[in-house]
Amino acid sequence: MRLKELALAAAAALTLVAAPPSRARIDARYSETSPELVVGSSQQAKAGNPHQYATAAQAQGQAARPEAPPVAGQTQEPRRRREVSPEDRAKIEAALPAKALARPKKPRKLLVFDRQGIYNGKQYGGHGSIPHANLAAQLMGEKTGAFTATLSSEPGAISEANLQQYDAVYLNNTVGDVFDTPEMRAAFAAFVARGGGVVGNHGASVASPQWSEFGEILGATGASHREPTEKATINIEDPTHPLMLAFDGKPFEYVDEFYRLGPPYARDKVRVLLSIDPIVTDMMQGRCFGQCLRNDNDYPVAWIRQHGKARVFYTSLGHNPDVFWDTRMLTMLLAGIQYALGDLEADATPRPRGTSQFDTALAAMTKYDFGQDRAQVSRFERQVSLAAATKEGAADAEQKMLKVLQSQAPLGAKDAICRQLAIIGSSRSEPVLKQMLRSKDTEAMARYALHGLQAK
C-alpha cells in the first residue's frame, strides 16, 4: 500500500492542469436539439446525482409534474422516442464513414436497444445523446451497407425468439435494470453463448448492475465520473489495430464524461484500444461522482474482447451528443460494430499496459546532465510514478533504471534515477547502489537512494 500511495501522490502532484470548457455552454448547446430531449442540469449536478435529468421545459424553469416513485416489480412504461434536430442530423450525416470497413459475409442485422431501467431506486430518464447514437447507427448501416439497424426500447426485443434474427445487439446508453426479468437475462445470455455480438457505449456499463454475468460479458461495470466537460488526453494504445485506423496514432484531447470503470475490468480480460493518459490529464478537474481515482492509474476508454464465441466492443464515450458527429468516433463505432457482427477481423488478445512512454522518457534521460532543461526530468518522474502504480510496473521500471546506472550515462541522469529509486526501488537496487558508493562522483546520490530504500 505504501508503494501505491507514494506513486499516486507523485502522479497527482505532477499532473498538468487543463482548463475545461464552460459547463453552462455545453448544457446550452445540447438543450437546443428538441423539446423532448433531456439535458443535463448543472443545478441538479450540484444538488446530487448528475444522472438526474430535466426536460427542456424544466431547464427553463417551467413547472413539471412530479414523477411517481417506481413500484417494485412494476413493468416499465415505454417512452416516446426522441428526435434529433435537423441541424444535428446534418452534422451526423456529414460525419458518417463513406463505406464499410470490411465486406459483410452475409446480410447483417443489428438490434439497437436503448431501454432505460430503474437506477438508484428511480426510473432513469436517459442520456440526451441516445437519439443521436440511434440515428448515427441507422444512417451508418444504410450508407455503408454493413448492416440493417432496428431501433427498440421494448423489453420484448430481448427475447429468445426475437434475438434469433440478429447478429449483434448494440446497447445504446442502457442505464439501470434493463434486463429486469429472468426471461430477458436468459435470452440475452443464450444469444451471447451462441456467438451473438455485443456493442455498448457509455451507460451500458451500468445496464442491470445487479446481474453479475452481464458485467463479465461486457468486461466491466460502474460509472464513476466527473463533469461531462472533462477534458482528457487520450492515448491510442494500439495504433495499427483495425479499430484504431481513424486516428493518426498520436494522443489527442477530447471532452466527454469519462467513466472510471470497476470490476470485473482487468487488462488480462480485455484488449484496451484507447485510454486516458493520467500523466498529462488533470485528473482532479470538476466534481467527482463516485470513485474517480484508481489505484492502478488505469482509465480505459475503449476495448474489445472475446467472450466465448461472442465478440464484444465497448467504449465509455457517448455522454455528449457531439461524439456522434465526430468522424473519428463514428469510424471507430462502425469498426466496433463490424467486429461484433463477425465481419471485421481484429486481435482481441488481452495485453498488459504498454511501457513505450516510460521507455521513451528513460531514453531521453540517458542524455540528460546537470544544467540542462529540467522539463525532461519532470516528464521522466511522471512516467515513473505511472509505471509504479502496479507492482509489476514498478519492478520493470526499476530493472530498466538500474541498467542506466550501470552505463556511462551522465551524472545528471544517474542522480535523477537515484531519486526515483528512493521512492519505488526495492532490495534489487541495493547491489548496484552499493557499488556506486565507491565513487566520489556517485557516492552522495547512491547514499540518498539507499536511505530511501531503508526508510520503507
Foldseek 3Di string as FASTA:
>chain_A
DLLLVLLVVLLQVLEAEDDFDDPVVQQVVLLPFDQAFWTFDPVVVVVDDSLDTDGSCVSVPHDDDDDDFDDVPDDDDDDDDDAGHPVLLVLLVVQADQAFLFDAPDAAEEEEEEAEAQDPRGTGDFFSQQNLVVSSVQVNCVRHVLYHYDYDHDLVCQAQVNLVRHQEYEHELHAYASQVDPRSVVSVVVCVQVARAYEYEANVLHHRVVPVVSCLVQQWHFFKWFDQRFKFWKAFQDCPWSLNVLDPRDIDIDGGTFGATHPPHDLQFWAFGMWTDSNHGNQPPGDIDDDSADLLNTGGAWTWGRDNNFIYIYGNDRNRNVCSSHNSSNSSVSLRVCVRSPGDDGDTRGDPRDLVQLVVLLVVLLADEPPDDCPSLSSNSSSQSNLSSDPVSLVVSLVVLLVSLVDPRYLRSVLSSLVSLLSRNEPVNVVSLVVLCVDPSRNVSSVSSVVSHVVD
